Each structure stands twice: as structure tokens, then as C-alpha cells.
C-alpha atoms as a PDB file:
ATOM      1  CA  MET A   1     110.641  94.338  79.846  1.00  0.00           C
ATOM      2  CA  SER A   2     113.159  91.601  80.657  1.00  0.00           C
ATOM      3  CA  LYS A   3     112.258  88.659  82.883  1.00  0.00           C
ATOM      4  CA  GLY A   4     114.516  90.005  85.612  1.00  0.00           C
ATOM      5  CA  GLN A   5     112.947  93.477  85.496  1.00  0.00           C
ATOM      6  CA  GLU A   6     109.474  91.966  85.590  1.00  0.00           C
ATOM      7  CA  LEU A   7     110.397  90.008  88.709  1.00  0.00           C
ATOM      8  CA  LEU A   8     112.048  93.038  90.331  1.00  0.00           C
ATOM      9  CA  SER A   9     108.888  95.097  89.756  1.00  0.00           C
ATOM     10  CA  LYS A  10     106.902  92.262  91.303  1.00  0.00           C
ATOM     11  CA  THR A  11     109.301  92.208  94.260  1.00  0.00           C
ATOM     12  CA  ASN A  12     108.678  95.893  94.918  1.00  0.00           C
ATOM     13  CA  SER A  13     104.903  95.835  94.417  1.00  0.00           C
ATOM     14  CA  GLN A  14     104.485  92.775  96.662  1.00  0.00           C
ATOM     15  CA  ARG A  15     106.573  94.438  99.376  1.00  0.00           C
ATOM     16  CA  GLU A  16     104.483  97.612  99.224  1.00  0.00           C
ATOM     17  CA  SER A  17     101.355  95.444  99.485  1.00  0.00           C
ATOM     18  CA  GLU A  18     102.920  93.892 102.614  1.00  0.00           C
ATOM     19  CA  GLU A  19     103.199  90.470 100.951  1.00  0.00           C
ATOM     20  CA  TYR A  20     106.648  90.010 102.415  1.00  0.00           C
ATOM     21  CA  LEU A  21     107.160  86.292 101.863  1.00  0.00           C
ATOM     22  CA  GLU A  22     106.022  86.581  98.264  1.00  0.00           C
ATOM     23  CA  SER A  23     108.343  89.571  97.786  1.00  0.00           C
ATOM     24  CA  LEU A  24     111.338  87.604  99.056  1.00  0.00           C
ATOM     25  CA  VAL A  25     110.526  84.705  96.723  1.00  0.00           C
ATOM     26  CA  SER A  26     110.230  87.083  93.763  1.00  0.00           C
ATOM     27  CA  SER A  27     113.554  88.700  94.659  1.00  0.00           C
ATOM     28  CA  ASP A  28     115.257  85.302  94.652  1.00  0.00           C
ATOM     29  CA  LYS A  29     113.842  84.631  91.194  1.00  0.00           C
ATOM     30  CA  ALA A  30     114.916  88.102  90.014  1.00  0.00           C
ATOM     31  CA  ILE A  31     118.476  87.528  91.241  1.00  0.00           C
ATOM     32  CA  ILE A  32     118.728  84.347  89.150  1.00  0.00           C
ATOM     33  CA  ALA A  33     117.155  86.031  86.124  1.00  0.00           C
ATOM     34  CA  PHE A  34     119.495  89.030  86.217  1.00  0.00           C
ATOM     35  CA  GLN A  35     122.520  86.756  86.559  1.00  0.00           C
ATOM     36  CA  VAL A  36     121.394  84.855  83.444  1.00  0.00           C
ATOM     37  CA  GLU A  37     120.842  88.169  81.655  1.00  0.00           C
ATOM     38  CA  GLY A  38     124.300  89.378  82.737  1.00  0.00           C
ATOM     39  CA  SER A  39     122.937  92.440  84.522  1.00  0.00           C
ATOM     40  CA  GLN A  40     124.965  92.815  87.714  1.00  0.00           C
ATOM     41  CA  GLY A  41     123.700  96.346  88.337  1.00  0.00           C
ATOM     42  CA  LYS A  42     120.112  95.156  88.414  1.00  0.00           C
ATOM     43  CA  LEU A  43     121.143  92.223  90.570  1.00  0.00           C
ATOM     44  CA  ALA A  44     122.519  94.744  93.071  1.00  0.00           C
ATOM     45  CA  GLU A  45     119.283  96.732  92.873  1.00  0.00           C
ATOM     46  CA  THR A  46     117.338  93.554  93.642  1.00  0.00           C
ATOM     47  CA  LEU A  47     119.482  92.897  96.706  1.00  0.00           C
ATOM     48  CA  SER A  48     118.799  96.458  97.874  1.00  0.00           C
ATOM     49  CA  ALA A  49     115.067  95.888  97.379  1.00  0.00           C
ATOM     50  CA  ARG A  50     115.331  92.634  99.338  1.00  0.00           C
ATOM     51  CA  SER A  51     117.040  94.435 102.225  1.00  0.00           C
ATOM     52  CA  ILE A  52     114.095  96.862 102.412  1.00  0.00           C
ATOM     53  CA  THR A  53     111.752  93.895 102.806  1.00  0.00           C
ATOM     54  CA  PHE A  54     113.801  92.750 105.795  1.00  0.00           C
ATOM     55  CA  ILE A  55     113.545  96.269 107.268  1.00  0.00           C
ATOM     56  CA  HIS A  56     109.755  96.152 106.960  1.00  0.00           C
ATOM     57  CA  LEU A  57     109.730  92.723 108.596  1.00  0.00           C
ATOM     58  CA  TYR A  58     111.770  94.177 111.448  1.00  0.00           C
ATOM     59  CA  ASP A  59     109.299  97.058 111.773  1.00  0.00           C
ATOM     60  CA  GLN A  60     106.467  94.546 111.928  1.00  0.00           C
ATOM     61  CA  THR A  61     108.051  92.076 114.387  1.00  0.00           C
ATOM     62  CA  LYS A  62     110.825  94.054 116.168  1.00  0.00           C
ATOM     63  CA  ASP A  63     113.005  90.958 115.720  1.00  0.00           C
ATOM     64  CA  GLN A  64     116.654  92.088 115.554  1.00  0.00           C
ATOM     65  CA  ALA A  65     117.471  89.127 113.295  1.00  0.00           C
ATOM     66  CA  TYR A  66     115.730  90.931 110.446  1.00  0.00           C
ATOM     67  CA  LEU A  67     118.003  93.952 110.867  1.00  0.00           C
ATOM     68  CA  ILE A  68     121.031  91.645 110.715  1.00  0.00           C
ATOM     69  CA  LEU A  69     119.673  90.127 107.489  1.00  0.00           C
ATOM     70  CA  ALA A  70     118.928  93.593 106.100  1.00  0.00           C
ATOM     71  CA  LYS A  71     122.463  94.809 106.828  1.00  0.00           C
ATOM     72  CA  ALA A  72     124.105  91.729 105.300  1.00  0.00           C
ATOM     73  CA  THR A  73     121.920  91.955 102.188  1.00  0.00           C
ATOM     74  CA  ALA A  74     122.567  95.691 101.753  1.00  0.00           C
ATOM     75  CA  SER A  75     126.326  95.103 102.133  1.00  0.00           C
ATOM     76  CA  SER A  76     126.130  92.409  99.449  1.00  0.00           C
ATOM     77  CA  ALA A  77     124.306  94.850  97.167  1.00  0.00           C
ATOM     78  CA  VAL A  78     127.192  97.327  97.474  1.00  0.00           C
ATOM     79  CA  GLU A  79     129.797  94.679  96.637  1.00  0.00           C
ATOM     80  CA  VAL A  80     127.821  93.418  93.617  1.00  0.00           C
ATOM     81  CA  ALA A  81     127.268  97.003  92.424  1.00  0.00           C
ATOM     82  CA  LYS A  82     131.045  97.542  92.474  1.00  0.00           C
ATOM     83  CA  LEU A  83     131.398  94.668  89.987  1.00  0.00           C
ATOM     84  CA  ASP A  84     129.019  96.448  87.606  1.00  0.00           C
ATOM     85  CA  LYS A  85     131.061  99.677  87.667  1.00  0.00           C
ATOM     86  CA  SER A  86     127.847 101.729  87.421  1.00  0.00           C
ATOM     87  CA  GLN A  87     128.047 104.757  89.714  1.00  0.00           C
ATOM     88  CA  ASP A  88     124.283 105.169  89.916  1.00  0.00           C
ATOM     89  CA  GLN A  89     123.724 101.532  90.885  1.00  0.00           C
ATOM     90  CA  LEU A  90     126.477 101.832  93.463  1.00  0.00           C
ATOM     91  CA  ALA A  91     124.835 104.994  94.806  1.00  0.00           C
ATOM     92  CA  ILE A  92     121.481 103.208  95.205  1.00  0.00           C
ATOM     93  CA  SER A  93     123.176 100.342  97.037  1.00  0.00           C
ATOM     94  CA  LEU A  94     125.103 102.708  99.328  1.00  0.00           C
ATOM     95  CA  LEU A  95     121.888 104.561 100.108  1.00  0.00           C
ATOM     96  CA  GLY A  96     120.304 101.262 101.153  1.00  0.00           C
ATOM     97  CA  LEU A  97     123.249 100.434 103.396  1.00  0.00           C
ATOM     98  CA  GLY A  98     123.088 103.896 104.952  1.00  0.00           C
ATOM     99  CA  ARG A  99     119.410 103.329 105.789  1.00  0.00           C
ATOM    100  CA  ILE A 100     120.277 100.138 107.697  1.00  0.00           C
ATOM    101  CA  HIS A 101     122.944 101.906 109.758  1.00  0.00           C
ATOM    102  CA  ALA A 102     120.479 104.716 110.504  1.00  0.00           C
ATOM    103  CA  LYS A 103     117.941 102.117 111.620  1.00  0.00           C
ATOM    104  CA  LEU A 104     120.597 100.665 113.902  1.00  0.00           C
ATOM    105  CA  LYS A 105     121.218 104.210 115.239  1.00  0.00           C
ATOM    106  CA  GLU A 106     124.792 104.054 113.907  1.00  0.00           C
ATOM    107  CA  HIS A 107     124.534 107.618 112.636  1.00  0.00           C
ATOM    108  CA  GLN A 108     128.224 108.257 111.894  1.00  0.00           C
ATOM    109  CA  SER A 109     128.312 105.188 109.646  1.00  0.00           C
ATOM    110  CA  ALA A 110     124.964 106.101 108.090  1.00  0.00           C
ATOM    111  CA  ALA A 111     126.243 109.598 107.227  1.00  0.00           C
ATOM    112  CA  LYS A 112     129.395 108.081 105.707  1.00  0.00           C
ATOM    113  CA  TYR A 113     127.415 105.815 103.373  1.00  0.00           C
ATOM    114  CA  TYR A 114     124.927 108.548 102.470  1.00  0.00           C
ATOM    115  CA  GLN A 115     127.833 110.844 101.522  1.00  0.00           C
ATOM    116  CA  GLU A 116     129.355 108.090  99.390  1.00  0.00           C
ATOM    117  CA  ALA A 117     125.967 107.583  97.722  1.00  0.00           C
ATOM    118  CA  LEU A 118     125.751 111.315  96.988  1.00  0.00           C
ATOM    119  CA  ASP A 119     129.291 111.325  95.580  1.00  0.00           C
ATOM    120  CA  ASN A 120     128.390 108.531  93.138  1.00  0.00           C
ATOM    121  CA  LEU A 121     124.945 109.743  92.070  1.00  0.00           C
ATOM    122  CA  SER A 122     124.556 111.512  88.729  1.00  0.00           C
ATOM    123  CA  ASN A 123     122.581 114.721  88.329  1.00  0.00           C
ATOM    124  CA  ASP A 124     120.012 113.062  86.045  1.00  0.00           C
ATOM    125  CA  ARG A 125     117.392 112.658  88.778  1.00  0.00           C
ATOM    126  CA  PRO A 126     117.145 115.765  90.984  1.00  0.00           C
ATOM    127  CA  SER A 127     114.502 114.155  93.203  1.00  0.00           C
ATOM    128  CA  MET A 128     116.834 111.322  94.183  1.00  0.00           C
ATOM    129  CA  LEU A 129     119.686 113.759  94.811  1.00  0.00           C
ATOM    130  CA  ALA A 130     117.397 115.684  97.153  1.00  0.00           C
ATOM    131  CA  ASP A 131     116.258 112.487  98.892  1.00  0.00           C
ATOM    132  CA  VAL A 132     119.841 111.386  99.567  1.00  0.00           C
ATOM    133  CA  LYS A 133     120.696 114.859 100.881  1.00  0.00           C
ATOM    134  CA  ILE A 134     117.745 114.610 103.278  1.00  0.00           C
ATOM    135  CA  HIS A 135     118.959 111.258 104.620  1.00  0.00           C
ATOM    136  CA  LEU A 136     122.504 112.603 104.929  1.00  0.00           C
ATOM    137  CA  ALA A 137     121.469 115.778 106.755  1.00  0.00           C
ATOM    138  CA  ALA A 138     119.235 113.863 109.183  1.00  0.00           C
ATOM    139  CA  SER A 139     122.092 111.533 110.142  1.00  0.00           C
ATOM    140  CA  GLN A 140     124.533 114.442 110.452  1.00  0.00           C
ATOM    141  CA  TYR A 141     122.083 116.228 112.759  1.00  0.00           C
ATOM    142  CA  LYS A 142     121.875 113.118 114.930  1.00  0.00           C
ATOM    143  CA  THR A 143     125.669 113.114 115.260  1.00  0.00           C
ATOM    144  CA  GLY A 144     125.458 116.617 116.762  1.00  0.00           C
ATOM    145  CA  ASP A 145     125.851 118.762 113.630  1.00  0.00           C
ATOM    146  CA  LYS A 146     122.961 121.189 114.154  1.00  0.00           C
ATOM    147  CA  SER A 147     123.824 123.064 110.957  1.00  0.00           C
ATOM    148  CA  ALA A 148     122.480 120.045 109.081  1.00  0.00           C
ATOM    149  CA  LEU A 149     118.919 121.175 109.818  1.00  0.00           C
ATOM    150  CA  GLU A 150     119.123 123.982 107.251  1.00  0.00           C
ATOM    151  CA  ARG A 151     120.547 121.570 104.655  1.00  0.00           C
ATOM    152  CA  LEU A 152     117.689 119.155 105.294  1.00  0.00           C
ATOM    153  CA  ILE A 153     115.066 121.874 104.898  1.00  0.00           C
ATOM    154  CA  ASN A 154     116.683 123.106 101.669  1.00  0.00           C
ATOM    155  CA  ALA A 155     116.845 119.577 100.263  1.00  0.00           C
ATOM    156  CA  LEU A 156     113.184 119.036 101.143  1.00  0.00           C
ATOM    157  CA  ALA A 157     112.267 122.218  99.241  1.00  0.00           C
ATOM    158  CA  ASP A 158     114.195 120.857  96.217  1.00  0.00           C
ATOM    159  CA  LEU A 159     112.399 117.518  96.504  1.00  0.00           C
ATOM    160  CA  GLU A 160     108.974 119.155  96.641  1.00  0.00           C
ATOM    161  CA  LYS A 161     109.748 121.075  93.417  1.00  0.00           C
ATOM    162  CA  ALA A 162     111.224 118.068  91.573  1.00  0.00           C
ATOM    163  CA  ASP A 163     109.492 115.960  88.935  1.00  0.00           C
ATOM    164  CA  GLU A 164     108.892 112.418  90.188  1.00  0.00           C
ATOM    165  CA  ASP A 165     106.360 109.606  90.136  1.00  0.00           C
ATOM    166  CA  SER A 166     103.556 110.668  92.506  1.00  0.00           C
ATOM    167  CA  TYR A 167     103.757 107.580  94.706  1.00  0.00           C
ATOM    168  CA  VAL A 168     107.539 107.777  95.085  1.00  0.00           C
ATOM    169  CA  LYS A 169     107.396 111.521  95.712  1.00  0.00           C
ATOM    170  CA  ASN A 170     104.730 111.148  98.392  1.00  0.00           C
ATOM    171  CA  VAL A 171     106.767 108.436 100.113  1.00  0.00           C
ATOM    172  CA  TRP A 172     109.942 110.544 100.043  1.00  0.00           C
ATOM    173  CA  VAL A 173     108.356 113.866 101.039  1.00  0.00           C
ATOM    174  CA  SER A 174     106.316 112.356 103.876  1.00  0.00           C
ATOM    175  CA  GLY A 175     109.458 110.554 105.029  1.00  0.00           C
ATOM    176  CA  ALA A 176     111.391 113.837 105.032  1.00  0.00           C
ATOM    177  CA  TYR A 177     108.781 115.525 107.216  1.00  0.00           C
ATOM    178  CA  MET A 178     108.883 112.522 109.550  1.00  0.00           C
ATOM    179  CA  LYS A 179     112.662 112.850 109.769  1.00  0.00           C
ATOM    180  CA  LEU A 180     112.270 116.517 110.689  1.00  0.00           C
ATOM    181  CA  ALA A 181     109.700 115.591 113.334  1.00  0.00           C
ATOM    182  CA  GLY A 182     112.032 112.989 114.775  1.00  0.00           C
ATOM    183  CA  ILE A 183     115.187 115.079 114.972  1.00  0.00           C
ATOM    184  CA  LEU A 184     113.365 118.116 116.390  1.00  0.00           C
ATOM    185  CA  ALA A 185     111.371 116.218 119.002  1.00  0.00           C
ATOM    186  CA  THR A 186     113.699 117.322 121.811  1.00  0.00           C
ATOM    187  CA  ASP A 187     115.154 120.557 120.418  1.00  0.00           C
ATOM    188  CA  ASN A 188     111.886 122.082 119.179  1.00  0.00           C
ATOM    189  CA  PRO A 189     108.785 120.021 120.097  1.00  0.00           C
ATOM    190  CA  GLU A 190     106.357 122.552 118.576  1.00  0.00           C
ATOM    191  CA  GLU A 191     108.069 122.447 115.166  1.00  0.00           C
ATOM    192  CA  SER A 192     108.336 118.670 115.462  1.00  0.00           C
ATOM    193  CA  GLN A 193     104.553 118.351 115.757  1.00  0.00           C
ATOM    194  CA  LYS A 194     104.033 120.691 112.785  1.00  0.00           C
ATOM    195  CA  HIS A 195     106.226 118.496 110.587  1.00  0.00           C
ATOM    196  CA  LEU A 196     104.464 115.382 111.865  1.00  0.00           C
ATOM    197  CA  ALA A 197     101.133 116.917 110.836  1.00  0.00           C
ATOM    198  CA  LYS A 198     102.475 117.772 107.356  1.00  0.00           C
ATOM    199  CA  ALA A 199     103.599 114.166 106.911  1.00  0.00           C
ATOM    200  CA  LYS A 200     100.146 112.930 107.951  1.00  0.00           C
ATOM    201  CA  GLY A 201      98.497 115.236 105.435  1.00  0.00           C
ATOM    202  CA  ILE A 202     100.513 113.747 102.575  1.00  0.00           C
ATOM    203  CA  ILE A 203      99.939 110.184 103.770  1.00  0.00           C
ATOM    204  CA  SER A 204      96.183 110.734 104.161  1.00  0.00           C
ATOM    205  CA  SER A 205      95.990 112.091 100.602  1.00  0.00           C
ATOM    206  CA  ASP A 206      97.422 108.886  99.083  1.00  0.00           C
ATOM    207  CA  PRO A 207      95.794 105.551 100.020  1.00  0.00           C
ATOM    208  CA  ARG A 208      98.755 103.703  98.515  1.00  0.00           C
ATOM    209  CA  LEU A 209     100.988 104.755 101.437  1.00  0.00           C
ATOM    210  CA  THR A 210      99.864 101.960 103.772  1.00  0.00           C
ATOM    211  CA  ILE A 211     103.344 101.142 105.078  1.00  0.00           C
ATOM    212  CA  ARG A 212     104.176 104.817 105.553  1.00  0.00           C
ATOM    213  CA  LEU A 213     100.950 105.235 107.559  1.00  0.00           C
ATOM    214  CA  LYS A 214     102.035 102.483 109.949  1.00  0.00           C
ATOM    215  CA  GLN A 215     105.463 104.111 110.286  1.00  0.00           C
ATOM    216  CA  TRP A 216     103.818 107.487 110.948  1.00  0.00           C
ATOM    217  CA  THR A 217     101.551 105.985 113.588  1.00  0.00           C
ATOM    218  CA  GLU A 218     104.526 104.416 115.358  1.00  0.00           C
ATOM    219  CA  LEU A 219     106.494 107.676 115.233  1.00  0.00           C
ATOM    220  CA  SER A 220     103.503 109.674 116.431  1.00  0.00           C
ATOM    221  CA  GLN A 221     103.137 107.406 119.455  1.00  0.00           C
ATOM    222  CA  ALA A 222     106.858 107.675 120.214  1.00  0.00           C
ATOM    223  CA  LEU A 223     106.773 111.491 120.080  1.00  0.00           C
ATOM    224  CA  LYS A 224     103.831 111.897 122.480  1.00  0.00           C
END
């Protein structure tokens, strides 16, 4: 494992352990290491990881400044990924940027970036394809395209069947059920609560999902 990859892994594990300051420091070190190693794609991936840390800091503090930092960092990741000319790295960066716009409730823009991510993603990882489709469909639904609900449900079925690391899969599947709960809260409250319960079941089965549990708790309170 290269020095840059080691630091990127540390960035991600520290973030998931809610060691946000330490994660940001590790991401800075990873950025320098990947530049030295000449790996612009991984540098872009590190910027995307850094933007997620800012999102979590926003969730924790509700300080809009963190969303501004997240958006700027995700935009930088996209531009750096374009230098690498790797479609998959560009797709990952576009997915990150789409998440920021969704967080800002800019659903048209979010859908645009999710579609671009899907267009650039290879078929080598069916689970990631399904995850991007779920994000895309949720944003499309929020723009008024009710037909997106069926696409989201189909993508979730694909994700549940796909091979993937158990932690990543539990994060993605629980997140998909939370998206369903959120978009159906007004249109179908009974179904919304069913999806919320399914998300909780997955989260409760995996003690590693500490951040997802906090997100679920916040969503559950909002949907009461």
C-alpha cells in the first residue's frame, strides 16, 4: 500500500470514528502524498472524502459554513479528477458533488451531477451503479418526477443482491431505505414509516454504523 493510500484509508476510518479533526489532517497529508506519487485520481478521491467530513461536521453543528466548505471541496475534486482522465474517479467525484447539492436541497443540480456520475461509471461494480441510481432517483422524485419511485425501488433491489463489503453495503442499503422514508413522508406516511423501520433494522444489526444511527435518529424525529 502506498503512503497516500495508507493516509486515505486513515482519513476514512477516522471520519467514520467521528474523529473529524484528525480525519482532515490525514486528508491534507494524503493530498501531498498522492501529488508526490503522481496519482491525481487518488488526490481527487481524497478531496471527495474530505468533503464528506465537512458534511458530517455540518450535521453535527448545523453551521452552514461547513456546507460551503463541502461544496467547494467537492467541486475541486471534480476538477482534479478531470485532469486524471479516469472516468471512474470522475464519477466518484461527481457523486460527491451531487450529494452536496442534495444536502442544500438543490435537487435539479443534484440530479444533474448524479446523472453525470452514472454516465461515467463503469459496470465493474454493480453495487456502486445501484447506489448512484438510488441517489439519482431520490433527487428526481424531489423535483416532482413521481415515476422515479419505481426506479429507486428497483435500484435498491439490485443493491441488496450485489456483492459488496458488508459495512459499505449496510451504509448504502440503510441510506436507501432512509431516502424512501424521506421522499414518501408526505405522499405515503405509512410506507414511509415501514422504510424507516427497515433502515433501523439494518443499522441496529451493525454496531459500526454509528454515524448512520445519528442520521436515522434525526430523520426519525423530523418525520414524527
